[in-house]
Amino acid sequence: MPRMNNGLTDLIIGTWNVRYLYRTGALTTVLSDLDRYRLAITVIQEVRLTGTGGTKHERGVGFIVNDQILQNVKRFKANNDRICYLEMQCKWFKIILINCYGPTKDKDEDQKSEFYENIERIYCTLPNNHIKIMIGDFNAKIGKEPTLKRIIGKESLHDTSNNNGERLINLALALNMIISSTCFSRQNIHKETWVSPNGMVKNQIDHVLIDAKRRRYITDVRSHRGVSEELRTNYKNTAKKILGFKQKEKKRNKWFDDDCKKALEERDRVYFIMLRDPNEENKIQLANMQREAEKTLRIIKRQ
């Protein structure tokens, strides 16, 4: 990405559907989880704060900007509760990040049409001499259609585009943009941006788009796992401490004792470390810890 006024040679941008920020302690938890990723800017959706483009605790979009580059921000505008943008002054030119939160597939066609019409209108009113990047949760699955390879690449998690995906592709075609998020070769685990609660359904619905002529400015796109899971755990811990909330204990076999519980907790701790930094050493450590946990449970069960 372009060099910044303060000497930054790379601008690392992330996008995250945080689901809610209006609850007590939510923002502090989010900032804590984001700190380790060293993001310059985090594009967030579903903040559900009033004053982020809407008047109810639903939808809402915004940005979290690192203090080190805060002086580079020249303008922020919330267009509605699904679209906002941020303008940044760089050394040689300006960057405009357009934060988008698309309707889910079950919304009616009029809502979807209105969303994409608004994006196109806003994009076209912004100066063409600025680098314009669309990023966010589009709720759109992009496929691997060969005829669209120039726009979508060939590295999508999905084989076929859904209705929202087709709309996003049509937008990219109309504005001469490419969908960068499906152009980089990655393992599937680093393409998934949404996983169902039971872990069975995995989708790539968050995307990044840029003017085709400036595609070289985006050098890499990947997903990071673990943040949402840890955020959920942090909320549970806060609820226990402040509200006295007690989660229902899962029914265990009679042989399941404190040693078994400790073994599983240690395994989960190492698992989260591996999610944050999936290098070979952490993967080996996790594999060893999984074997140790299984061994502990097996021994205690036989006693």
C-alpha atoms as a PDB file:
ATOM      1  CA  MET A   1       0.000   0.000   0.000  1.00  0.00           C
ATOM      2  CA  PRO A   2       1.118   3.634  -0.392  1.00  0.00           C
ATOM      3  CA  ARG A   3       3.651   5.236   1.944  1.00  0.00           C
ATOM      4  CA  MET A   4       2.060   7.365   4.653  1.00  0.00           C
ATOM      5  CA  ASN A   5       3.102  10.820   5.852  1.00  0.00           C
ATOM      6  CA  ASN A   6       4.441   9.378   9.093  1.00  0.00           C
ATOM      7  CA  GLY A   7       6.822   6.990   7.312  1.00  0.00           C
ATOM      8  CA  LEU A   8       4.686   3.809   7.172  1.00  0.00           C
ATOM      9  CA  THR A   9       5.618   1.671   4.175  1.00  0.00           C
ATOM     10  CA  ASP A  10       2.692  -0.747   4.497  1.00  0.00           C
ATOM     11  CA  LEU A  11      -0.887  -0.121   5.493  1.00  0.00           C
ATOM     12  CA  ILE A  12      -2.524  -3.209   7.007  1.00  0.00           C
ATOM     13  CA  ILE A  13      -6.307  -3.014   6.860  1.00  0.00           C
ATOM     14  CA  GLY A  14      -8.745  -5.489   8.381  1.00  0.00           C
ATOM     15  CA  THR A  15     -12.497  -5.988   8.247  1.00  0.00           C
ATOM     16  CA  TRP A  16     -14.615  -7.564  10.986  1.00  0.00           C
ATOM     17  CA  ASN A  17     -18.328  -8.003  11.583  1.00  0.00           C
ATOM     18  CA  VAL A  18     -18.269  -7.377  15.349  1.00  0.00           C
ATOM     19  CA  ARG A  19     -22.062  -7.894  15.738  1.00  0.00           C
ATOM     20  CA  TYR A  20     -22.428  -5.375  18.567  1.00  0.00           C
ATOM     21  CA  LEU A  21     -20.484  -2.599  20.276  1.00  0.00           C
ATOM     22  CA  TYR A  22     -23.215  -0.943  22.333  1.00  0.00           C
ATOM     23  CA  ARG A  23     -22.907  -3.410  25.218  1.00  0.00           C
ATOM     24  CA  THR A  24     -20.780  -2.435  28.217  1.00  0.00           C
ATOM     25  CA  GLY A  25     -17.144  -3.409  27.762  1.00  0.00           C
ATOM     26  CA  ALA A  26     -17.579  -4.529  24.143  1.00  0.00           C
ATOM     27  CA  LEU A  27     -15.326  -1.885  22.579  1.00  0.00           C
ATOM     28  CA  THR A  28     -12.562  -2.506  25.122  1.00  0.00           C
ATOM     29  CA  THR A  29     -12.680  -6.220  24.351  1.00  0.00           C
ATOM     30  CA  VAL A  30     -12.583  -5.616  20.597  1.00  0.00           C
ATOM     31  CA  LEU A  31      -9.610  -3.251  20.867  1.00  0.00           C
ATOM     32  CA  SER A  32      -7.746  -5.753  23.007  1.00  0.00           C
ATOM     33  CA  ASP A  33      -8.313  -8.553  20.488  1.00  0.00           C
ATOM     34  CA  LEU A  34      -7.311  -6.358  17.525  1.00  0.00           C
ATOM     35  CA  ASP A  35      -4.096  -5.082  19.119  1.00  0.00           C
ATOM     36  CA  ARG A  36      -2.070  -8.198  18.354  1.00  0.00           C
ATOM     37  CA  TYR A  37      -2.840  -8.013  14.618  1.00  0.00           C
ATOM     38  CA  ARG A  38      -1.080  -4.617  14.281  1.00  0.00           C
ATOM     39  CA  LEU A  39      -3.829  -3.244  12.060  1.00  0.00           C
ATOM     40  CA  ALA A  40      -3.607   0.359  10.924  1.00  0.00           C
ATOM     41  CA  ILE A  41      -7.349   0.478  10.215  1.00  0.00           C
ATOM     42  CA  THR A  42     -10.125  -1.959  11.051  1.00  0.00           C
ATOM     43  CA  VAL A  43     -13.334  -1.718   9.049  1.00  0.00           C
ATOM     44  CA  ILE A  44     -16.214  -2.875  11.258  1.00  0.00           C
ATOM     45  CA  GLN A  45     -19.832  -3.826  10.565  1.00  0.00           C
ATOM     46  CA  GLU A  46     -22.899  -4.463  12.725  1.00  0.00           C
ATOM     47  CA  VAL A  47     -21.657  -2.150  15.467  1.00  0.00           C
ATOM     48  CA  ARG A  48     -25.329  -1.518  16.360  1.00  0.00           C
ATOM     49  CA  LEU A  49     -24.561   1.905  17.823  1.00  0.00           C
ATOM     50  CA  THR A  50     -26.911   4.821  17.303  1.00  0.00           C
ATOM     51  CA  GLY A  51     -25.150   7.551  15.370  1.00  0.00           C
ATOM     52  CA  THR A  52     -23.385   5.156  12.947  1.00  0.00           C
ATOM     53  CA  GLY A  53     -25.815   5.763  10.125  1.00  0.00           C
ATOM     54  CA  GLY A  54     -28.949   4.526  11.912  1.00  0.00           C
ATOM     55  CA  THR A  55     -31.173   5.292  14.907  1.00  0.00           C
ATOM     56  CA  LYS A  56     -31.687   1.747  16.264  1.00  0.00           C
ATOM     57  CA  HIS A  57     -29.353  -0.869  17.733  1.00  0.00           C
ATOM     58  CA  GLU A  58     -29.079  -2.694  14.410  1.00  0.00           C
ATOM     59  CA  ARG A  59     -26.645  -2.744  11.509  1.00  0.00           C
ATOM     60  CA  GLY A  60     -24.228   0.212  11.686  1.00  0.00           C
ATOM     61  CA  VAL A  61     -20.731   0.572  10.201  1.00  0.00           C
ATOM     62  CA  GLY A  62     -17.539   2.359  11.223  1.00  0.00           C
ATOM     63  CA  PHE A  63     -13.753   2.354  11.472  1.00  0.00           C
ATOM     64  CA  ILE A  64     -11.185   1.759  14.207  1.00  0.00           C
ATOM     65  CA  VAL A  65      -8.029   3.744  13.396  1.00  0.00           C
ATOM     66  CA  ASN A  66      -4.639   3.220  15.010  1.00  0.00           C
ATOM     67  CA  ASP A  67      -3.433   6.287  16.935  1.00  0.00           C
ATOM     68  CA  GLN A  68      -0.181   6.353  14.925  1.00  0.00           C
ATOM     69  CA  ILE A  69      -1.963   7.246  11.685  1.00  0.00           C
ATOM     70  CA  LEU A  70      -4.895   9.170  13.116  1.00  0.00           C
ATOM     71  CA  GLN A  71      -3.418  12.434  11.821  1.00  0.00           C
ATOM     72  CA  ASN A  72      -3.717  11.089   8.278  1.00  0.00           C
ATOM     73  CA  VAL A  73      -7.519  10.894   8.474  1.00  0.00           C
ATOM     74  CA  LYS A  74      -9.030  13.849   6.635  1.00  0.00           C
ATOM     75  CA  ARG A  75     -12.695  12.975   6.444  1.00  0.00           C
ATOM     76  CA  PHE A  76     -15.272  10.468   7.625  1.00  0.00           C
ATOM     77  CA  LYS A  77     -18.828  10.244   6.366  1.00  0.00           C
ATOM     78  CA  ALA A  78     -21.610   7.870   7.401  1.00  0.00           C
ATOM     79  CA  ASN A  79     -23.946   7.664   4.422  1.00  0.00           C
ATOM     80  CA  ASN A  80     -26.410   5.274   6.059  1.00  0.00           C
ATOM     81  CA  ASP A  81     -26.386   2.247   8.382  1.00  0.00           C
ATOM     82  CA  ARG A  82     -24.768   0.067   5.695  1.00  0.00           C
ATOM     83  CA  ILE A  83     -22.227   2.354   4.023  1.00  0.00           C
ATOM     84  CA  CYS A  84     -19.639   4.855   5.230  1.00  0.00           C
ATOM     85  CA  TYR A  85     -16.233   5.966   4.030  1.00  0.00           C
ATOM     86  CA  LEU A  86     -12.937   7.255   5.363  1.00  0.00           C
ATOM     87  CA  GLU A  87     -10.540   9.534   3.475  1.00  0.00           C
ATOM     88  CA  MET A  88      -6.828   9.406   4.304  1.00  0.00           C
ATOM     89  CA  GLN A  89      -3.988  11.664   3.201  1.00  0.00           C
ATOM     90  CA  CYS A  90      -0.927   9.728   2.045  1.00  0.00           C
ATOM     91  CA  LYS A  91       2.420  11.033   0.902  1.00  0.00           C
ATOM     92  CA  TRP A  92       1.613  11.104  -2.809  1.00  0.00           C
ATOM     93  CA  PHE A  93      -2.156  10.788  -2.981  1.00  0.00           C
ATOM     94  CA  LYS A  94      -5.293  10.041  -0.980  1.00  0.00           C
ATOM     95  CA  ILE A  95      -6.960   6.742  -0.152  1.00  0.00           C
ATOM     96  CA  ILE A  96     -10.706   6.377   0.342  1.00  0.00           C
ATOM     97  CA  LEU A  97     -11.942   3.266   2.151  1.00  0.00           C
ATOM     98  CA  ILE A  98     -15.610   2.512   1.568  1.00  0.00           C
ATOM     99  CA  ASN A  99     -17.032   0.330   4.328  1.00  0.00           C
ATOM    100  CA  CYS A 100     -19.913  -1.857   3.108  1.00  0.00           C
ATOM    101  CA  TYR A 101     -22.328  -4.118   4.956  1.00  0.00           C
ATOM    102  CA  GLY A 102     -24.518  -5.933   2.447  1.00  0.00           C
ATOM    103  CA  PRO A 103     -27.999  -7.379   3.011  1.00  0.00           C
ATOM    104  CA  THR A 104     -28.137 -11.103   3.750  1.00  0.00           C
ATOM    105  CA  LYS A 105     -29.447 -13.491   1.101  1.00  0.00           C
ATOM    106  CA  ASP A 106     -32.899 -13.662   2.718  1.00  0.00           C
ATOM    107  CA  LYS A 107     -33.568  -9.920   2.315  1.00  0.00           C
ATOM    108  CA  ASP A 108     -35.940  -8.804  -0.434  1.00  0.00           C
ATOM    109  CA  GLU A 109     -34.645  -7.824  -3.849  1.00  0.00           C
ATOM    110  CA  ASP A 110     -35.548  -4.149  -3.404  1.00  0.00           C
ATOM    111  CA  GLN A 111     -33.251  -3.835  -0.370  1.00  0.00           C
ATOM    112  CA  LYS A 112     -30.403  -5.475  -2.274  1.00  0.00           C
ATOM    113  CA  SER A 113     -30.911  -3.263  -5.322  1.00  0.00           C
ATOM    114  CA  GLU A 114     -30.998  -0.139  -3.169  1.00  0.00           C
ATOM    115  CA  PHE A 115     -27.769  -1.159  -1.402  1.00  0.00           C
ATOM    116  CA  TYR A 116     -25.808  -1.666  -4.633  1.00  0.00           C
ATOM    117  CA  GLU A 117     -27.259   1.459  -6.235  1.00  0.00           C
ATOM    118  CA  ASN A 118     -26.111   3.479  -3.210  1.00  0.00           C
ATOM    119  CA  ILE A 119     -22.602   2.023  -3.386  1.00  0.00           C
ATOM    120  CA  GLU A 120     -22.281   2.814  -7.083  1.00  0.00           C
ATOM    121  CA  ARG A 121     -23.613   6.354  -6.610  1.00  0.00           C
ATOM    122  CA  ILE A 122     -21.261   7.081  -3.690  1.00  0.00           C
ATOM    123  CA  TYR A 123     -18.269   5.566  -5.509  1.00  0.00           C
ATOM    124  CA  CYS A 124     -18.894   7.667  -8.620  1.00  0.00           C
ATOM    125  CA  THR A 125     -19.209  10.927  -6.651  1.00  0.00           C
ATOM    126  CA  LEU A 126     -15.760  10.464  -5.065  1.00  0.00           C
ATOM    127  CA  PRO A 127     -12.689  11.862  -6.877  1.00  0.00           C
ATOM    128  CA  ASN A 128     -11.194   9.547  -9.510  1.00  0.00           C
ATOM    129  CA  ASN A 129      -7.639  10.626  -8.713  1.00  0.00           C
ATOM    130  CA  HIS A 130      -7.920   9.016  -5.252  1.00  0.00           C
ATOM    131  CA  ILE A 131      -7.368   5.328  -4.609  1.00  0.00           C
ATOM    132  CA  LYS A 132     -10.820   3.966  -3.812  1.00  0.00           C
ATOM    133  CA  ILE A 133     -11.154   0.619  -2.025  1.00  0.00           C
ATOM    134  CA  MET A 134     -14.414  -1.113  -1.130  1.00  0.00           C
ATOM    135  CA  ILE A 135     -14.143  -3.457   1.822  1.00  0.00           C
ATOM    136  CA  GLY A 136     -16.516  -5.151   4.231  1.00  0.00           C
ATOM    137  CA  ASP A 137     -19.099  -7.847   4.819  1.00  0.00           C
ATOM    138  CA  PHE A 138     -21.031  -8.083   1.549  1.00  0.00           C
ATOM    139  CA  ASN A 139     -22.761 -11.359   2.493  1.00  0.00           C
ATOM    140  CA  ALA A 140     -21.785 -12.424  -1.023  1.00  0.00           C
ATOM    141  CA  LYS A 141     -20.353 -15.744  -2.155  1.00  0.00           C
ATOM    142  CA  ILE A 142     -18.110 -15.394  -5.198  1.00  0.00           C
ATOM    143  CA  GLY A 143     -17.622 -18.453  -7.403  1.00  0.00           C
ATOM    144  CA  LYS A 144     -14.940 -19.566  -9.863  1.00  0.00           C
ATOM    145  CA  GLU A 145     -16.738 -18.882 -13.131  1.00  0.00           C
ATOM    146  CA  PRO A 146     -14.029 -19.067 -15.853  1.00  0.00           C
ATOM    147  CA  THR A 147     -15.562 -16.268 -17.940  1.00  0.00           C
ATOM    148  CA  LEU A 148     -15.157 -13.877 -14.988  1.00  0.00           C
ATOM    149  CA  LYS A 149     -11.577 -14.801 -14.116  1.00  0.00           C
ATOM    150  CA  ARG A 150     -10.341 -11.305 -14.994  1.00  0.00           C
ATOM    151  CA  ILE A 151     -12.613  -9.829 -12.298  1.00  0.00           C
ATOM    152  CA  ILE A 152     -12.727 -12.504  -9.612  1.00  0.00           C
ATOM    153  CA  GLY A 153      -9.545 -14.525 -10.094  1.00  0.00           C
ATOM    154  CA  LYS A 154      -9.645 -18.270  -9.458  1.00  0.00           C
ATOM    155  CA  GLU A 155      -8.976 -18.599  -5.711  1.00  0.00           C
ATOM    156  CA  SER A 156     -12.462 -18.298  -4.208  1.00  0.00           C
ATOM    157  CA  LEU A 157     -13.611 -20.689  -1.494  1.00  0.00           C
ATOM    158  CA  HIS A 158     -16.795 -21.336  -3.486  1.00  0.00           C
ATOM    159  CA  ASP A 159     -17.358 -22.821  -6.932  1.00  0.00           C
ATOM    160  CA  THR A 160     -20.557 -20.944  -7.786  1.00  0.00           C
ATOM    161  CA  SER A 161     -21.629 -17.368  -7.052  1.00  0.00           C
ATOM    162  CA  ASN A 162     -24.908 -16.813  -5.197  1.00  0.00           C
ATOM    163  CA  ASN A 163     -27.345 -13.975  -5.925  1.00  0.00           C
ATOM    164  CA  ASN A 164     -25.430 -11.506  -3.754  1.00  0.00           C
ATOM    165  CA  GLY A 165     -22.193 -12.625  -5.367  1.00  0.00           C
ATOM    166  CA  GLU A 166     -23.593 -11.999  -8.842  1.00  0.00           C
ATOM    167  CA  ARG A 167     -24.654  -8.511  -7.762  1.00  0.00           C
ATOM    168  CA  LEU A 168     -21.173  -7.780  -6.407  1.00  0.00           C
ATOM    169  CA  ILE A 169     -19.559  -9.036  -9.610  1.00  0.00           C
ATOM    170  CA  ASN A 170     -21.882  -6.856 -11.703  1.00  0.00           C
ATOM    171  CA  LEU A 171     -20.904  -3.865  -9.567  1.00  0.00           C
ATOM    172  CA  ALA A 172     -17.220  -4.635 -10.119  1.00  0.00           C
ATOM    173  CA  LEU A 173     -17.787  -4.901 -13.867  1.00  0.00           C
ATOM    174  CA  ALA A 174     -19.679  -1.605 -13.994  1.00  0.00           C
ATOM    175  CA  LEU A 175     -16.962   0.254 -12.080  1.00  0.00           C
ATOM    176  CA  ASN A 176     -13.966  -1.517 -13.680  1.00  0.00           C
ATOM    177  CA  MET A 177     -12.886  -3.014 -10.356  1.00  0.00           C
ATOM    178  CA  ILE A 178     -11.499  -6.406  -9.352  1.00  0.00           C
ATOM    179  CA  ILE A 179     -12.423  -8.492  -6.310  1.00  0.00           C
ATOM    180  CA  SER A 180      -8.997  -8.876  -4.705  1.00  0.00           C
ATOM    181  CA  SER A 181     -10.186 -11.193  -1.921  1.00  0.00           C
ATOM    182  CA  THR A 182     -10.602 -14.061  -4.394  1.00  0.00           C
ATOM    183  CA  CYS A 183      -7.351 -13.499  -6.273  1.00  0.00           C
ATOM    184  CA  PHE A 184      -4.753 -14.749  -3.755  1.00  0.00           C
ATOM    185  CA  SER A 185      -3.859 -18.396  -3.303  1.00  0.00           C
ATOM    186  CA  ARG A 186      -4.527 -19.466   0.293  1.00  0.00           C
ATOM    187  CA  GLN A 187      -5.523 -22.553   2.223  1.00  0.00           C
ATOM    188  CA  ASN A 188      -9.283 -22.737   2.693  1.00  0.00           C
ATOM    189  CA  ILE A 189      -8.905 -22.034   6.407  1.00  0.00           C
ATOM    190  CA  HIS A 190      -7.499 -18.624   5.461  1.00  0.00           C
ATOM    191  CA  LYS A 191     -10.326 -17.874   3.014  1.00  0.00           C
ATOM    192  CA  GLU A 192     -13.234 -18.523   5.383  1.00  0.00           C
ATOM    193  CA  THR A 193     -14.739 -15.344   6.836  1.00  0.00           C
ATOM    194  CA  TRP A 194     -17.889 -16.843   8.397  1.00  0.00           C
ATOM    195  CA  VAL A 195     -18.347 -20.164  10.185  1.00  0.00           C
ATOM    196  CA  SER A 196     -21.684 -21.436  11.505  1.00  0.00           C
ATOM    197  CA  PRO A 197     -22.009 -22.071  15.265  1.00  0.00           C
ATOM    198  CA  ASN A 198     -21.793 -25.842  14.714  1.00  0.00           C
ATOM    199  CA  GLY A 199     -18.743 -25.428  12.472  1.00  0.00           C
ATOM    200  CA  MET A 200     -20.367 -27.273   9.566  1.00  0.00           C
ATOM    201  CA  VAL A 201     -20.944 -24.328   7.192  1.00  0.00           C
ATOM    202  CA  LYS A 202     -18.009 -22.146   6.117  1.00  0.00           C
ATOM    203  CA  ASN A 203     -18.334 -19.191   3.769  1.00  0.00           C
ATOM    204  CA  GLN A 204     -16.209 -16.459   2.249  1.00  0.00           C
ATOM    205  CA  ILE A 205     -18.549 -13.462   2.308  1.00  0.00           C
ATOM    206  CA  ASP A 206     -16.214 -10.564   3.255  1.00  0.00           C
ATOM    207  CA  HIS A 207     -14.484  -8.995   0.272  1.00  0.00           C
ATOM    208  CA  VAL A 208     -12.089  -6.300  -0.931  1.00  0.00           C
ATOM    209  CA  LEU A 209     -12.474  -4.481  -4.257  1.00  0.00           C
ATOM    210  CA  ILE A 210     -10.157  -1.995  -5.950  1.00  0.00           C
ATOM    211  CA  ASP A 211      -9.871  -0.227  -9.302  1.00  0.00           C
ATOM    212  CA  ALA A 212      -8.405  -2.736 -11.777  1.00  0.00           C
ATOM    213  CA  LYS A 213      -5.709  -0.249 -12.821  1.00  0.00           C
ATOM    214  CA  ARG A 214      -4.494  -0.053  -9.214  1.00  0.00           C
ATOM    215  CA  ARG A 215      -4.769  -3.714  -8.291  1.00  0.00           C
ATOM    216  CA  ARG A 216      -1.037  -3.888  -7.474  1.00  0.00           C
ATOM    217  CA  TYR A 217      -1.604  -1.740  -4.374  1.00  0.00           C
ATOM    218  CA  ILE A 218      -3.248  -4.688  -2.618  1.00  0.00           C
ATOM    219  CA  THR A 219      -0.446  -7.170  -2.039  1.00  0.00           C
ATOM    220  CA  ASP A 220      -2.182  -9.830   0.059  1.00  0.00           C
ATOM    221  CA  VAL A 221      -5.577 -10.827   1.462  1.00  0.00           C
ATOM    222  CA  ARG A 222      -6.213 -13.526   4.103  1.00  0.00           C
ATOM    223  CA  SER A 223      -8.560 -14.394   6.949  1.00  0.00           C
ATOM    224  CA  HIS A 224      -7.493 -14.750  10.578  1.00  0.00           C
ATOM    225  CA  ARG A 225      -9.336 -17.163  12.815  1.00  0.00           C
ATOM    226  CA  GLY A 226      -9.816 -17.060  16.554  1.00  0.00           C
ATOM    227  CA  VAL A 227     -10.856 -13.473  17.283  1.00  0.00           C
ATOM    228  CA  SER A 228     -14.616 -14.043  17.351  1.00  0.00           C
ATOM    229  CA  GLU A 229     -14.265 -17.179  19.437  1.00  0.00           C
ATOM    230  CA  GLU A 230     -12.128 -15.398  22.026  1.00  0.00           C
ATOM    231  CA  LEU A 231     -14.507 -12.435  22.050  1.00  0.00           C
ATOM    232  CA  ARG A 232     -17.367 -14.807  22.825  1.00  0.00           C
ATOM    233  CA  THR A 233     -15.334 -16.315  25.675  1.00  0.00           C
ATOM    234  CA  ASN A 234     -14.504 -12.861  27.057  1.00  0.00           C
ATOM    235  CA  TYR A 235     -18.207 -11.925  27.125  1.00  0.00           C
ATOM    236  CA  LYS A 236     -19.029 -15.113  29.013  1.00  0.00           C
ATOM    237  CA  ASN A 237     -16.309 -14.407  31.567  1.00  0.00           C
ATOM    238  CA  THR A 238     -17.531 -10.819  32.011  1.00  0.00           C
ATOM    239  CA  ALA A 239     -21.108 -12.030  32.467  1.00  0.00           C
ATOM    240  CA  LYS A 240     -19.980 -14.458  35.155  1.00  0.00           C
ATOM    241  CA  LYS A 241     -18.079 -11.772  37.078  1.00  0.00           C
ATOM    242  CA  ILE A 242     -20.512  -8.857  36.798  1.00  0.00           C
ATOM    243  CA  LEU A 243     -23.958 -10.367  36.287  1.00  0.00           C
ATOM    244  CA  GLY A 244     -23.519 -13.615  38.118  1.00  0.00           C
ATOM    245  CA  PHE A 245     -24.341 -15.489  34.915  1.00  0.00           C
ATOM    246  CA  LYS A 246     -23.646 -19.186  35.169  1.00  0.00           C
ATOM    247  CA  GLN A 247     -23.492 -21.293  32.054  1.00  0.00           C
ATOM    248  CA  LYS A 248     -25.217 -24.638  32.229  1.00  0.00           C
ATOM    249  CA  GLU A 249     -22.704 -27.399  32.811  1.00  0.00           C
ATOM    250  CA  LYS A 250     -22.594 -30.052  30.151  1.00  0.00           C
ATOM    251  CA  LYS A 251     -23.538 -33.493  31.361  1.00  0.00           C
ATOM    252  CA  ARG A 252     -20.357 -35.467  31.826  1.00  0.00           C
ATOM    253  CA  ASN A 253     -19.722 -39.097  32.561  1.00  0.00           C
ATOM    254  CA  LYS A 254     -19.074 -39.945  36.186  1.00  0.00           C
ATOM    255  CA  TRP A 255     -15.414 -40.610  35.499  1.00  0.00           C
ATOM    256  CA  PHE A 256     -14.869 -37.058  34.126  1.00  0.00           C
ATOM    257  CA  ASP A 257     -12.995 -35.268  36.930  1.00  0.00           C
ATOM    258  CA  ASP A 258     -10.941 -32.082  37.463  1.00  0.00           C
ATOM    259  CA  ASP A 259      -7.862 -33.612  35.818  1.00  0.00           C
ATOM    260  CA  CYS A 260      -9.876 -34.224  32.655  1.00  0.00           C
ATOM    261  CA  LYS A 261     -11.189 -30.666  32.736  1.00  0.00           C
ATOM    262  CA  LYS A 262      -7.673 -29.226  33.149  1.00  0.00           C
ATOM    263  CA  ALA A 263      -6.372 -31.342  30.260  1.00  0.00           C
ATOM    264  CA  LEU A 264      -9.085 -30.009  27.925  1.00  0.00           C
ATOM    265  CA  GLU A 265      -8.576 -26.411  29.072  1.00  0.00           C
ATOM    266  CA  GLU A 266      -4.841 -26.648  28.380  1.00  0.00           C
ATOM    267  CA  ARG A 267      -5.561 -28.136  24.962  1.00  0.00           C
ATOM    268  CA  ASP A 268      -7.938 -25.250  24.170  1.00  0.00           C
ATOM    269  CA  ARG A 269      -5.374 -22.686  25.362  1.00  0.00           C
ATOM    270  CA  VAL A 270      -2.755 -24.060  22.968  1.00  0.00           C
ATOM    271  CA  TYR A 271      -5.392 -24.182  20.223  1.00  0.00           C
ATOM    272  CA  PHE A 272      -6.047 -20.427  20.506  1.00  0.00           C
ATOM    273  CA  ILE A 273      -2.288 -19.766  20.410  1.00  0.00           C
ATOM    274  CA  MET A 274      -2.090 -21.723  17.159  1.00  0.00           C
ATOM    275  CA  LEU A 275      -5.030 -19.767  15.688  1.00  0.00           C
ATOM    276  CA  ARG A 276      -3.290 -16.461  16.416  1.00  0.00           C
ATOM    277  CA  ASP A 277       0.025 -17.632  14.960  1.00  0.00           C
ATOM    278  CA  PRO A 278      -0.353 -20.808  12.850  1.00  0.00           C
ATOM    279  CA  ASN A 279       3.363 -21.570  12.447  1.00  0.00           C
ATOM    280  CA  GLU A 280       4.825 -25.085  12.412  1.00  0.00           C
ATOM    281  CA  GLU A 281       6.026 -24.932  16.021  1.00  0.00           C
ATOM    282  CA  ASN A 282       2.562 -24.043  17.330  1.00  0.00           C
ATOM    283  CA  LYS A 283       0.932 -26.702  15.141  1.00  0.00           C
ATOM    284  CA  ILE A 284       3.283 -29.359  16.528  1.00  0.00           C
ATOM    285  CA  GLN A 285       2.645 -28.139  20.068  1.00  0.00           C
ATOM    286  CA  LEU A 286      -1.113 -28.382  19.488  1.00  0.00           C
ATOM    287  CA  ALA A 287      -0.832 -31.899  18.070  1.00  0.00           C
ATOM    288  CA  ASN A 288       1.186 -32.985  21.105  1.00  0.00           C
ATOM    289  CA  MET A 289      -1.296 -31.369  23.475  1.00  0.00           C
ATOM    290  CA  GLN A 290      -4.225 -33.082  21.743  1.00  0.00           C
ATOM    291  CA  ARG A 291      -2.534 -36.456  22.156  1.00  0.00           C
ATOM    292  CA  GLU A 292      -1.799 -35.733  25.817  1.00  0.00           C
ATOM    293  CA  ALA A 293      -5.416 -34.721  26.477  1.00  0.00           C
ATOM    294  CA  GLU A 294      -6.737 -37.880  24.789  1.00  0.00           C
ATOM    295  CA  LYS A 295      -4.281 -39.986  26.744  1.00  0.00           C
ATOM    296  CA  THR A 296      -5.316 -38.393  30.048  1.00  0.00           C
ATOM    297  CA  LEU A 297      -9.013 -38.968  29.371  1.00  0.00           C
ATOM    298  CA  ARG A 298      -8.397 -42.548  28.280  1.00  0.00           C
ATOM    299  CA  ILE A 299      -6.367 -43.414  31.401  1.00  0.00           C
ATOM    300  CA  ILE A 300      -8.891 -41.855  33.811  1.00  0.00           C
ATOM    301  CA  LYS A 301     -11.800 -43.537  32.034  1.00  0.00           C
ATOM    302  CA  ARG A 302     -10.189 -46.973  32.519  1.00  0.00           C
ATOM    303  CA  GLN A 303      -9.578 -46.486  36.225  1.00  0.00           C
END
